[in-house]
């Protein structure tokens, strides 16, 4: 039954008759009378006993009104909850990204974002790509910025940049003086043999960067000296900045970190695509789209048409 069916029967019961109930419902008496007749015929039992103009509930009518009121109350509660949910979703973004990007987000992306959307709330979470995708699947995240993840049906994957395996060193490292420039590489290059015996900070092989580091060292016979293992890129960058050693990992924006990136000469350039991922049925707000555009622009990449098409008004991001 339609929720209005319950409203009509409850109104007749509360007003004790058709006339006052029809006035309350803003319909004609004849229309309400016909509705009641159709309802009782459909149910195969009377809901009211008529005594003149007075309508008294039968036992079935009492049960109908009791359940009807409960259904109307639940409908009202649901409507209020959905309205609150709608307001909340329009005023927040649950955004996940790798911990190595924390500095970039705090120093560059978020300040620029809040110039346009000062009332928005961003619930930021730094995690490994695999965990971020799990959060997205569990509806704990609205958008995630991830690298090297399996593509799942029901999700949209938009490329926002490239992440390349680099050697990170402190900004006062003597390796910077030995490095040379090569148009085939994004960063100054050094001979890979320099890594042998070098103090290195590493990530577990369970991570993308840790796995690639192990593969590089085994493939080229490099034997660096591991002095520290950390669980995430942000800690890795902190350790390099603190002078504990160099590190191989998939590049993220350096920000204010006092480190520099180098490439290994003669080695295959290893890079992976950084993707913005969200549910395909997600209704992206203008604020979410703007956040995505800032990230793409920050990466120095051309803005992909598929990202522009997310907005009906492309001028919003000019």
C-alpha atoms as a PDB file:
ATOM      1  CA  UNK A   1       0.000   0.000   0.000  1.00  0.00           C
ATOM      2  CA  UNK A   2       0.951   3.611  -0.527  1.00  0.00           C
ATOM      3  CA  UNK A   3       1.835   5.573   2.608  1.00  0.00           C
ATOM      4  CA  UNK A   4      -1.080   7.888   1.812  1.00  0.00           C
ATOM      5  CA  UNK A   5      -3.506   4.963   2.226  1.00  0.00           C
ATOM      6  CA  UNK A   6      -2.516   4.739   5.878  1.00  0.00           C
ATOM      7  CA  UNK A   7      -2.760   8.513   6.311  1.00  0.00           C
ATOM      8  CA  UNK A   8      -6.344   8.491   5.022  1.00  0.00           C
ATOM      9  CA  UNK A   9      -7.527   5.668   7.309  1.00  0.00           C
ATOM     10  CA  UNK A  10      -5.733   7.133  10.350  1.00  0.00           C
ATOM     11  CA  UNK A  11      -7.289  10.549   9.661  1.00  0.00           C
ATOM     12  CA  UNK A  12     -10.802   9.039   9.560  1.00  0.00           C
ATOM     13  CA  UNK A  13     -10.124   7.244  12.839  1.00  0.00           C
ATOM     14  CA  UNK A  14      -8.725  10.345  14.543  1.00  0.00           C
ATOM     15  CA  UNK A  15     -11.490  12.671  13.330  1.00  0.00           C
ATOM     16  CA  UNK A  16     -14.232  10.111  13.879  1.00  0.00           C
ATOM     17  CA  UNK A  17     -15.777  10.592  10.472  1.00  0.00           C
ATOM     18  CA  UNK A  18     -15.415  11.383   6.796  1.00  0.00           C
ATOM     19  CA  UNK A  19     -16.260  15.081   6.832  1.00  0.00           C
ATOM     20  CA  UNK A  20     -13.577  16.337   9.227  1.00  0.00           C
ATOM     21  CA  UNK A  21     -11.005  13.877   7.865  1.00  0.00           C
ATOM     22  CA  UNK A  22     -11.598  15.085   4.305  1.00  0.00           C
ATOM     23  CA  UNK A  23     -11.096  18.700   5.430  1.00  0.00           C
ATOM     24  CA  UNK A  24      -7.830  17.777   7.103  1.00  0.00           C
ATOM     25  CA  UNK A  25      -6.620  15.873   4.030  1.00  0.00           C
ATOM     26  CA  UNK A  26      -7.753  18.589   1.592  1.00  0.00           C
ATOM     27  CA  UNK A  27      -9.839  16.192  -0.507  1.00  0.00           C
ATOM     28  CA  UNK A  28     -13.571  15.909  -1.131  1.00  0.00           C
ATOM     29  CA  UNK A  29     -15.819  13.817   1.107  1.00  0.00           C
ATOM     30  CA  UNK A  30     -16.939  11.723  -1.850  1.00  0.00           C
ATOM     31  CA  UNK A  31     -13.363  10.935  -2.831  1.00  0.00           C
ATOM     32  CA  UNK A  32     -12.501   9.862   0.723  1.00  0.00           C
ATOM     33  CA  UNK A  33     -15.684   7.775   0.961  1.00  0.00           C
ATOM     34  CA  UNK A  34     -14.872   5.964  -2.276  1.00  0.00           C
ATOM     35  CA  UNK A  35     -11.283   5.379  -1.085  1.00  0.00           C
ATOM     36  CA  UNK A  36     -12.523   3.791   2.152  1.00  0.00           C
ATOM     37  CA  UNK A  37     -14.958   1.583   0.258  1.00  0.00           C
ATOM     38  CA  UNK A  38     -12.238   0.391  -2.144  1.00  0.00           C
ATOM     39  CA  UNK A  39      -9.853  -0.300   0.758  1.00  0.00           C
ATOM     40  CA  UNK A  40     -12.400  -2.346   2.703  1.00  0.00           C
ATOM     41  CA  UNK A  41     -13.350  -4.287  -0.424  1.00  0.00           C
ATOM     42  CA  UNK A  42      -9.707  -5.010  -1.130  1.00  0.00           C
ATOM     43  CA  UNK A  43      -9.097  -6.195   2.438  1.00  0.00           C
ATOM     44  CA  UNK A  44     -12.355  -8.160   2.543  1.00  0.00           C
ATOM     45  CA  UNK A  45     -13.352  -6.715   5.932  1.00  0.00           C
ATOM     46  CA  UNK A  46     -14.736  -3.544   7.443  1.00  0.00           C
ATOM     47  CA  UNK A  47     -12.393  -1.130   9.199  1.00  0.00           C
ATOM     48  CA  UNK A  48     -15.166   1.033  10.660  1.00  0.00           C
ATOM     49  CA  UNK A  49     -18.644   0.560  12.086  1.00  0.00           C
ATOM     50  CA  UNK A  50     -20.914   3.396  10.926  1.00  0.00           C
ATOM     51  CA  UNK A  51     -23.211   4.954  13.483  1.00  0.00           C
ATOM     52  CA  UNK A  52     -24.807   7.847  11.671  1.00  0.00           C
ATOM     53  CA  UNK A  53     -21.989  10.191  10.743  1.00  0.00           C
ATOM     54  CA  UNK A  54     -19.700   8.669  13.353  1.00  0.00           C
ATOM     55  CA  UNK A  55     -17.091   6.091  12.336  1.00  0.00           C
ATOM     56  CA  UNK A  56     -15.934   3.657  15.022  1.00  0.00           C
ATOM     57  CA  UNK A  57     -12.984   1.315  14.492  1.00  0.00           C
ATOM     58  CA  UNK A  58     -13.580  -2.400  14.253  1.00  0.00           C
ATOM     59  CA  UNK A  59     -11.024  -4.800  15.729  1.00  0.00           C
ATOM     60  CA  UNK A  60      -9.437  -5.066  12.264  1.00  0.00           C
ATOM     61  CA  UNK A  61      -9.564  -1.283  11.952  1.00  0.00           C
ATOM     62  CA  UNK A  62      -7.785  -0.830  15.269  1.00  0.00           C
ATOM     63  CA  UNK A  63      -5.009  -3.142  14.095  1.00  0.00           C
ATOM     64  CA  UNK A  64      -4.827  -1.352  10.737  1.00  0.00           C
ATOM     65  CA  UNK A  65      -4.526   2.064  12.412  1.00  0.00           C
ATOM     66  CA  UNK A  66      -1.967   0.791  14.924  1.00  0.00           C
ATOM     67  CA  UNK A  67       0.298  -0.606  12.196  1.00  0.00           C
ATOM     68  CA  UNK A  68      -0.462   2.355   9.933  1.00  0.00           C
ATOM     69  CA  UNK A  69       0.733   4.841  12.533  1.00  0.00           C
ATOM     70  CA  UNK A  70       3.936   2.824  13.014  1.00  0.00           C
ATOM     71  CA  UNK A  71       4.544   2.792   9.249  1.00  0.00           C
ATOM     72  CA  UNK A  72       3.863   6.525   8.978  1.00  0.00           C
ATOM     73  CA  UNK A  73       6.287   7.167  11.835  1.00  0.00           C
ATOM     74  CA  UNK A  74       8.982   5.048  10.193  1.00  0.00           C
ATOM     75  CA  UNK A  75       8.406   6.846   6.897  1.00  0.00           C
ATOM     76  CA  UNK A  76       8.796  10.197   8.667  1.00  0.00           C
ATOM     77  CA  UNK A  77      11.972   9.032  10.422  1.00  0.00           C
ATOM     78  CA  UNK A  78      13.395   7.727   7.145  1.00  0.00           C
ATOM     79  CA  UNK A  79      12.679  11.012   5.389  1.00  0.00           C
ATOM     80  CA  UNK A  80      14.378  12.990   8.172  1.00  0.00           C
ATOM     81  CA  UNK A  81      17.397  10.678   8.178  1.00  0.00           C
ATOM     82  CA  UNK A  82      17.773  10.893   4.398  1.00  0.00           C
ATOM     83  CA  UNK A  83      17.518  14.682   4.536  1.00  0.00           C
ATOM     84  CA  UNK A  84      20.216  14.811   7.214  1.00  0.00           C
ATOM     85  CA  UNK A  85      22.321  12.387   5.190  1.00  0.00           C
ATOM     86  CA  UNK A  86      21.909  14.553   2.094  1.00  0.00           C
ATOM     87  CA  UNK A  87      22.970  17.679   3.980  1.00  0.00           C
ATOM     88  CA  UNK A  88      25.937  15.858   5.491  1.00  0.00           C
ATOM     89  CA  UNK A  89      27.087  14.446   2.150  1.00  0.00           C
ATOM     90  CA  UNK A  90      26.872  17.872   0.529  1.00  0.00           C
ATOM     91  CA  UNK A  91      29.059  19.341   3.251  1.00  0.00           C
ATOM     92  CA  UNK A  92      31.774  16.682   3.553  1.00  0.00           C
ATOM     93  CA  UNK A  93      34.307  14.743   1.502  1.00  0.00           C
ATOM     94  CA  UNK A  94      35.818  11.511   2.792  1.00  0.00           C
ATOM     95  CA  UNK A  95      39.104  11.437   0.912  1.00  0.00           C
ATOM     96  CA  UNK A  96      41.842   8.832   1.097  1.00  0.00           C
ATOM     97  CA  UNK A  97      45.405   9.005  -0.263  1.00  0.00           C
ATOM     98  CA  UNK A  98      48.793   7.470   0.370  1.00  0.00           C
ATOM     99  CA  UNK A  99      50.578   8.754   3.460  1.00  0.00           C
ATOM    100  CA  UNK A 100      53.442   9.981   1.293  1.00  0.00           C
ATOM    101  CA  UNK A 101      51.085  12.594  -0.157  1.00  0.00           C
ATOM    102  CA  UNK A 102      50.118  14.060   3.219  1.00  0.00           C
ATOM    103  CA  UNK A 103      52.492  17.019   2.915  1.00  0.00           C
ATOM    104  CA  UNK A 104      51.262  17.876  -0.585  1.00  0.00           C
ATOM    105  CA  UNK A 105      47.627  17.796   0.555  1.00  0.00           C
ATOM    106  CA  UNK A 106      48.193  19.904   3.663  1.00  0.00           C
ATOM    107  CA  UNK A 107      50.618  22.381   2.136  1.00  0.00           C
ATOM    108  CA  UNK A 108      49.058  22.850  -1.299  1.00  0.00           C
ATOM    109  CA  UNK A 109      45.807  21.103  -2.192  1.00  0.00           C
ATOM    110  CA  UNK A 110      43.638  21.678   0.879  1.00  0.00           C
ATOM    111  CA  UNK A 111      44.488  25.404   1.320  1.00  0.00           C
ATOM    112  CA  UNK A 112      43.588  26.046  -2.324  1.00  0.00           C
ATOM    113  CA  UNK A 113      40.419  23.986  -1.998  1.00  0.00           C
ATOM    114  CA  UNK A 114      39.203  25.947   1.034  1.00  0.00           C
ATOM    115  CA  UNK A 115      39.517  29.247  -0.808  1.00  0.00           C
ATOM    116  CA  UNK A 116      36.510  28.129  -2.874  1.00  0.00           C
ATOM    117  CA  UNK A 117      34.724  25.860  -0.391  1.00  0.00           C
ATOM    118  CA  UNK A 118      35.410  27.249   3.104  1.00  0.00           C
ATOM    119  CA  UNK A 119      32.371  25.521   4.632  1.00  0.00           C
ATOM    120  CA  UNK A 120      33.246  22.027   3.419  1.00  0.00           C
ATOM    121  CA  UNK A 121      34.690  19.401   5.742  1.00  0.00           C
ATOM    122  CA  UNK A 122      37.344  17.026   4.437  1.00  0.00           C
ATOM    123  CA  UNK A 123      37.819  13.799   6.346  1.00  0.00           C
ATOM    124  CA  UNK A 124      41.312  12.892   5.160  1.00  0.00           C
ATOM    125  CA  UNK A 125      42.909   9.478   5.607  1.00  0.00           C
ATOM    126  CA  UNK A 126      46.409   8.421   4.677  1.00  0.00           C
ATOM    127  CA  UNK A 127      46.736   4.692   4.024  1.00  0.00           C
ATOM    128  CA  UNK A 128      48.181   2.115   1.675  1.00  0.00           C
ATOM    129  CA  UNK A 129      46.360   1.843  -1.661  1.00  0.00           C
ATOM    130  CA  UNK A 130      45.005  -1.619  -0.852  1.00  0.00           C
ATOM    131  CA  UNK A 131      43.455  -0.432   2.416  1.00  0.00           C
ATOM    132  CA  UNK A 132      42.049   2.677   0.769  1.00  0.00           C
ATOM    133  CA  UNK A 133      40.262   0.524  -1.796  1.00  0.00           C
ATOM    134  CA  UNK A 134      38.834  -1.607   0.995  1.00  0.00           C
ATOM    135  CA  UNK A 135      37.534   1.555   2.651  1.00  0.00           C
ATOM    136  CA  UNK A 136      35.932   2.622  -0.618  1.00  0.00           C
ATOM    137  CA  UNK A 137      34.245  -0.767  -0.984  1.00  0.00           C
ATOM    138  CA  UNK A 138      32.963  -0.535   2.604  1.00  0.00           C
ATOM    139  CA  UNK A 139      31.538   2.958   1.928  1.00  0.00           C
ATOM    140  CA  UNK A 140      34.018   4.545   4.333  1.00  0.00           C
ATOM    141  CA  UNK A 141      35.522   6.737   1.592  1.00  0.00           C
ATOM    142  CA  UNK A 142      34.040   8.896  -1.179  1.00  0.00           C
ATOM    143  CA  UNK A 143      37.227   9.333  -3.221  1.00  0.00           C
ATOM    144  CA  UNK A 144      40.606   7.634  -3.039  1.00  0.00           C
ATOM    145  CA  UNK A 145      43.914   8.419  -4.734  1.00  0.00           C
ATOM    146  CA  UNK A 146      45.716   5.117  -5.282  1.00  0.00           C
ATOM    147  CA  UNK A 147      48.499   3.458  -7.261  1.00  0.00           C
ATOM    148  CA  UNK A 148      48.670   0.003  -8.830  1.00  0.00           C
ATOM    149  CA  UNK A 149      45.317  -1.437  -7.767  1.00  0.00           C
ATOM    150  CA  UNK A 150      43.158  -4.115  -9.342  1.00  0.00           C
ATOM    151  CA  UNK A 151      40.262  -2.662 -11.328  1.00  0.00           C
ATOM    152  CA  UNK A 152      36.907  -3.779  -9.994  1.00  0.00           C
ATOM    153  CA  UNK A 153      33.517  -3.516 -11.710  1.00  0.00           C
ATOM    154  CA  UNK A 154      31.258  -0.768 -10.454  1.00  0.00           C
ATOM    155  CA  UNK A 155      34.054   1.744  -9.896  1.00  0.00           C
ATOM    156  CA  UNK A 156      35.398   4.581 -12.035  1.00  0.00           C
ATOM    157  CA  UNK A 157      39.181   4.860 -12.417  1.00  0.00           C
ATOM    158  CA  UNK A 158      40.513   8.206 -13.645  1.00  0.00           C
ATOM    159  CA  UNK A 159      44.254   8.678 -14.298  1.00  0.00           C
ATOM    160  CA  UNK A 160      45.619  11.769 -12.582  1.00  0.00           C
ATOM    161  CA  UNK A 161      49.374  11.333 -13.021  1.00  0.00           C
ATOM    162  CA  UNK A 162      52.368   9.030 -12.991  1.00  0.00           C
ATOM    163  CA  UNK A 163      54.482   7.736 -10.135  1.00  0.00           C
ATOM    164  CA  UNK A 164      58.040   6.716 -10.972  1.00  0.00           C
ATOM    165  CA  UNK A 165      60.531   4.625  -9.017  1.00  0.00           C
ATOM    166  CA  UNK A 166      63.203   7.055  -7.778  1.00  0.00           C
ATOM    167  CA  UNK A 167      66.121   7.191  -5.403  1.00  0.00           C
ATOM    168  CA  UNK A 168      65.501   9.756  -2.670  1.00  0.00           C
ATOM    169  CA  UNK A 169      68.499  11.332  -0.930  1.00  0.00           C
ATOM    170  CA  UNK A 170      68.933  14.234   1.512  1.00  0.00           C
ATOM    171  CA  UNK A 171      69.385  17.603  -0.181  1.00  0.00           C
ATOM    172  CA  UNK A 172      73.011  17.739   1.033  1.00  0.00           C
ATOM    173  CA  UNK A 173      73.902  14.264  -0.291  1.00  0.00           C
ATOM    174  CA  UNK A 174      77.225  14.057  -2.164  1.00  0.00           C
ATOM    175  CA  UNK A 175      75.432  11.932  -4.777  1.00  0.00           C
ATOM    176  CA  UNK A 176      73.814  15.111  -6.094  1.00  0.00           C
ATOM    177  CA  UNK A 177      77.241  16.391  -7.160  1.00  0.00           C
ATOM    178  CA  UNK A 178      78.001  13.134  -8.965  1.00  0.00           C
ATOM    179  CA  UNK A 179      74.638  13.073 -10.783  1.00  0.00           C
ATOM    180  CA  UNK A 180      74.365  14.093 -14.433  1.00  0.00           C
ATOM    181  CA  UNK A 181      71.444  15.144 -16.608  1.00  0.00           C
ATOM    182  CA  UNK A 182      69.921  12.937 -19.268  1.00  0.00           C
ATOM    183  CA  UNK A 183      66.917  13.884 -21.394  1.00  0.00           C
ATOM    184  CA  UNK A 184      65.630  10.322 -21.123  1.00  0.00           C
ATOM    185  CA  UNK A 185      65.063  10.654 -17.375  1.00  0.00           C
ATOM    186  CA  UNK A 186      62.914  12.976 -15.277  1.00  0.00           C
ATOM    187  CA  UNK A 187      65.597  13.420 -12.621  1.00  0.00           C
ATOM    188  CA  UNK A 188      69.403  13.664 -12.517  1.00  0.00           C
ATOM    189  CA  UNK A 189      70.937  10.222 -12.992  1.00  0.00           C
ATOM    190  CA  UNK A 190      73.564   8.261 -11.104  1.00  0.00           C
ATOM    191  CA  UNK A 191      75.155   4.881 -11.708  1.00  0.00           C
ATOM    192  CA  UNK A 192      73.170   2.105 -10.005  1.00  0.00           C
ATOM    193  CA  UNK A 193      76.395   0.620  -8.591  1.00  0.00           C
ATOM    194  CA  UNK A 194      76.373   3.522  -6.105  1.00  0.00           C
ATOM    195  CA  UNK A 195      73.669   1.683  -4.167  1.00  0.00           C
ATOM    196  CA  UNK A 196      75.962  -1.202  -3.212  1.00  0.00           C
ATOM    197  CA  UNK A 197      76.970  -0.749   0.420  1.00  0.00           C
ATOM    198  CA  UNK A 198      74.870   2.414   0.715  1.00  0.00           C
ATOM    199  CA  UNK A 199      72.785   2.967   3.871  1.00  0.00           C
ATOM    200  CA  UNK A 200      69.173   2.495   2.818  1.00  0.00           C
ATOM    201  CA  UNK A 201      65.792   2.966   4.406  1.00  0.00           C
ATOM    202  CA  UNK A 202      63.299   0.498   2.980  1.00  0.00           C
ATOM    203  CA  UNK A 203      59.639  -0.412   2.852  1.00  0.00           C
ATOM    204  CA  UNK A 204      58.289  -3.958   3.354  1.00  0.00           C
ATOM    205  CA  UNK A 205      58.089  -6.100   0.211  1.00  0.00           C
ATOM    206  CA  UNK A 206      54.322  -6.230   0.770  1.00  0.00           C
ATOM    207  CA  UNK A 207      54.157  -2.647  -0.555  1.00  0.00           C
ATOM    208  CA  UNK A 208      54.495  -1.594  -4.210  1.00  0.00           C
ATOM    209  CA  UNK A 209      57.696   0.347  -3.556  1.00  0.00           C
ATOM    210  CA  UNK A 210      59.201  -2.374  -1.372  1.00  0.00           C
ATOM    211  CA  UNK A 211      58.498  -5.032  -3.976  1.00  0.00           C
ATOM    212  CA  UNK A 212      60.033  -2.941  -6.785  1.00  0.00           C
ATOM    213  CA  UNK A 213      63.107  -2.158  -4.672  1.00  0.00           C
ATOM    214  CA  UNK A 214      63.689  -5.868  -4.053  1.00  0.00           C
ATOM    215  CA  UNK A 215      63.197  -6.600  -7.777  1.00  0.00           C
ATOM    216  CA  UNK A 216      65.690  -3.884  -8.820  1.00  0.00           C
ATOM    217  CA  UNK A 217      68.364  -5.013  -6.371  1.00  0.00           C
ATOM    218  CA  UNK A 218      68.049  -8.672  -7.381  1.00  0.00           C
ATOM    219  CA  UNK A 219      67.915  -7.964 -11.123  1.00  0.00           C
ATOM    220  CA  UNK A 220      71.019  -5.770 -11.142  1.00  0.00           C
ATOM    221  CA  UNK A 221      72.939  -7.475  -8.346  1.00  0.00           C
ATOM    222  CA  UNK A 222      72.862  -4.451  -6.039  1.00  0.00           C
ATOM    223  CA  UNK A 223      73.570  -4.956  -2.353  1.00  0.00           C
ATOM    224  CA  UNK A 224      72.604  -1.894  -0.330  1.00  0.00           C
ATOM    225  CA  UNK A 225      72.826  -1.877   3.458  1.00  0.00           C
ATOM    226  CA  UNK A 226      69.404  -1.703   5.063  1.00  0.00           C
ATOM    227  CA  UNK A 227      69.587   0.392   8.225  1.00  0.00           C
ATOM    228  CA  UNK A 228      65.861   0.886   8.807  1.00  0.00           C
ATOM    229  CA  UNK A 229      62.556  -0.497   7.609  1.00  0.00           C
ATOM    230  CA  UNK A 230      59.405   1.613   7.921  1.00  0.00           C
ATOM    231  CA  UNK A 231      55.783   0.912   7.061  1.00  0.00           C
ATOM    232  CA  UNK A 232      54.854   3.885   4.873  1.00  0.00           C
ATOM    233  CA  UNK A 233      56.260   6.431   2.407  1.00  0.00           C
ATOM    234  CA  UNK A 234      55.773   9.396   4.723  1.00  0.00           C
ATOM    235  CA  UNK A 235      58.007   7.783   7.370  1.00  0.00           C
ATOM    236  CA  UNK A 236      60.436   6.823   4.620  1.00  0.00           C
ATOM    237  CA  UNK A 237      60.749  10.442   3.481  1.00  0.00           C
ATOM    238  CA  UNK A 238      61.185  11.608   7.082  1.00  0.00           C
ATOM    239  CA  UNK A 239      64.005   9.091   7.554  1.00  0.00           C
ATOM    240  CA  UNK A 240      65.764  10.208   4.353  1.00  0.00           C
ATOM    241  CA  UNK A 241      65.372  13.859   5.335  1.00  0.00           C
ATOM    242  CA  UNK A 242      66.837  13.011   8.748  1.00  0.00           C
ATOM    243  CA  UNK A 243      69.956  11.589   7.087  1.00  0.00           C
ATOM    244  CA  UNK A 244      69.436   7.938   8.015  1.00  0.00           C
ATOM    245  CA  UNK A 245      69.958   6.783   4.443  1.00  0.00           C
ATOM    246  CA  UNK A 246      68.676   6.875   0.879  1.00  0.00           C
ATOM    247  CA  UNK A 247      65.481   5.157  -0.273  1.00  0.00           C
ATOM    248  CA  UNK A 248      63.957   3.702  -3.425  1.00  0.00           C
ATOM    249  CA  UNK A 249      60.215   4.218  -3.785  1.00  0.00           C
ATOM    250  CA  UNK A 250      57.481   5.342  -6.146  1.00  0.00           C
ATOM    251  CA  UNK A 251      57.681   9.118  -6.260  1.00  0.00           C
ATOM    252  CA  UNK A 252      55.217  11.450  -4.594  1.00  0.00           C
ATOM    253  CA  UNK A 253      55.365  15.274  -4.523  1.00  0.00           C
ATOM    254  CA  UNK A 254      58.235  16.343  -2.278  1.00  0.00           C
ATOM    255  CA  UNK A 255      56.627  19.508  -0.895  1.00  0.00           C
ATOM    256  CA  UNK A 256      58.772  21.119   1.774  1.00  0.00           C
ATOM    257  CA  UNK A 257      60.754  17.969   2.459  1.00  0.00           C
ATOM    258  CA  UNK A 258      64.511  18.529   2.282  1.00  0.00           C
ATOM    259  CA  UNK A 259      65.119  15.646  -0.068  1.00  0.00           C
ATOM    260  CA  UNK A 260      65.904  15.273  -3.774  1.00  0.00           C
ATOM    261  CA  UNK A 261      65.047  12.626  -6.337  1.00  0.00           C
ATOM    262  CA  UNK A 262      67.540  10.809  -8.566  1.00  0.00           C
ATOM    263  CA  UNK A 263      67.133   8.258 -11.361  1.00  0.00           C
ATOM    264  CA  UNK A 264      69.265   5.162 -11.856  1.00  0.00           C
ATOM    265  CA  UNK A 265      71.110   5.277 -15.160  1.00  0.00           C
ATOM    266  CA  UNK A 266      70.675   2.440 -17.642  1.00  0.00           C
ATOM    267  CA  UNK A 267      67.759   0.920 -15.801  1.00  0.00           C
ATOM    268  CA  UNK A 268      64.300   0.408 -17.172  1.00  0.00           C
ATOM    269  CA  UNK A 269      62.120   3.317 -16.088  1.00  0.00           C
ATOM    270  CA  UNK A 270      59.511   1.870 -13.762  1.00  0.00           C
ATOM    271  CA  UNK A 271      56.372   3.925 -13.360  1.00  0.00           C
ATOM    272  CA  UNK A 272      52.766   3.338 -12.397  1.00  0.00           C
ATOM    273  CA  UNK A 273      49.617   5.321 -13.013  1.00  0.00           C
ATOM    274  CA  UNK A 274      48.079   7.183 -10.101  1.00  0.00           C
ATOM    275  CA  UNK A 275      44.299   6.813 -10.203  1.00  0.00           C
ATOM    276  CA  UNK A 276      41.401   8.659  -8.633  1.00  0.00           C
ATOM    277  CA  UNK A 277      38.766   6.038  -7.837  1.00  0.00           C
ATOM    278  CA  UNK A 278      35.126   6.342  -6.787  1.00  0.00           C
ATOM    279  CA  UNK A 279      31.929   4.354  -7.112  1.00  0.00           C
ATOM    280  CA  UNK A 280      30.473   4.645 -10.605  1.00  0.00           C
ATOM    281  CA  UNK A 281      27.044   5.392  -9.132  1.00  0.00           C
ATOM    282  CA  UNK A 282      28.473   8.112  -6.885  1.00  0.00           C
ATOM    283  CA  UNK A 283      26.858  11.512  -7.364  1.00  0.00           C
ATOM    284  CA  UNK A 284      29.973  13.688  -7.278  1.00  0.00           C
ATOM    285  CA  UNK A 285      29.388  17.132  -5.825  1.00  0.00           C
ATOM    286  CA  UNK A 286      30.978  20.226  -7.387  1.00  0.00           C
ATOM    287  CA  UNK A 287      33.339  20.331  -4.400  1.00  0.00           C
ATOM    288  CA  UNK A 288      34.519  16.765  -5.046  1.00  0.00           C
ATOM    289  CA  UNK A 289      35.093  17.530  -8.719  1.00  0.00           C
ATOM    290  CA  UNK A 290      37.039  20.651  -7.824  1.00  0.00           C
ATOM    291  CA  UNK A 291      39.246  18.699  -5.416  1.00  0.00           C
ATOM    292  CA  UNK A 292      39.985  16.215  -8.177  1.00  0.00           C
ATOM    293  CA  UNK A 293      40.895  18.976 -10.611  1.00  0.00           C
ATOM    294  CA  UNK A 294      43.305  20.531  -8.107  1.00  0.00           C
ATOM    295  CA  UNK A 295      45.075  17.207  -7.700  1.00  0.00           C
ATOM    296  CA  UNK A 296      45.367  16.698 -11.464  1.00  0.00           C
ATOM    297  CA  UNK A 297      46.673  20.235 -11.961  1.00  0.00           C
ATOM    298  CA  UNK A 298      49.150  19.785  -9.112  1.00  0.00           C
ATOM    299  CA  UNK A 299      50.557  16.672 -10.794  1.00  0.00           C
ATOM    300  CA  UNK A 300      51.502  18.766 -13.831  1.00  0.00           C
ATOM    301  CA  UNK A 301      49.453  16.506 -16.105  1.00  0.00           C
ATOM    302  CA  UNK A 302      47.053  17.657 -18.776  1.00  0.00           C
ATOM    303  CA  UNK A 303      43.474  17.496 -17.544  1.00  0.00           C
ATOM    304  CA  UNK A 304      41.894  14.437 -19.105  1.00  0.00           C
ATOM    305  CA  UNK A 305      38.612  14.974 -20.964  1.00  0.00           C
ATOM    306  CA  UNK A 306      37.000  12.214 -18.942  1.00  0.00           C
ATOM    307  CA  UNK A 307      37.571  14.303 -15.813  1.00  0.00           C
ATOM    308  CA  UNK A 308      36.246  17.473 -17.434  1.00  0.00           C
ATOM    309  CA  UNK A 309      33.122  15.630 -18.482  1.00  0.00           C
ATOM    310  CA  UNK A 310      32.313  14.907 -14.850  1.00  0.00           C
ATOM    311  CA  UNK A 311      31.111  18.493 -14.609  1.00  0.00           C
ATOM    312  CA  UNK A 312      28.242  19.935 -16.595  1.00  0.00           C
ATOM    313  CA  UNK A 313      29.976  23.289 -16.330  1.00  0.00           C
ATOM    314  CA  UNK A 314      33.612  22.946 -17.331  1.00  0.00           C
ATOM    315  CA  UNK A 315      34.169  26.654 -16.694  1.00  0.00           C
ATOM    316  CA  UNK A 316      33.884  25.862 -13.009  1.00  0.00           C
ATOM    317  CA  UNK A 317      37.493  24.697 -13.081  1.00  0.00           C
ATOM    318  CA  UNK A 318      38.999  27.264 -15.434  1.00  0.00           C
END
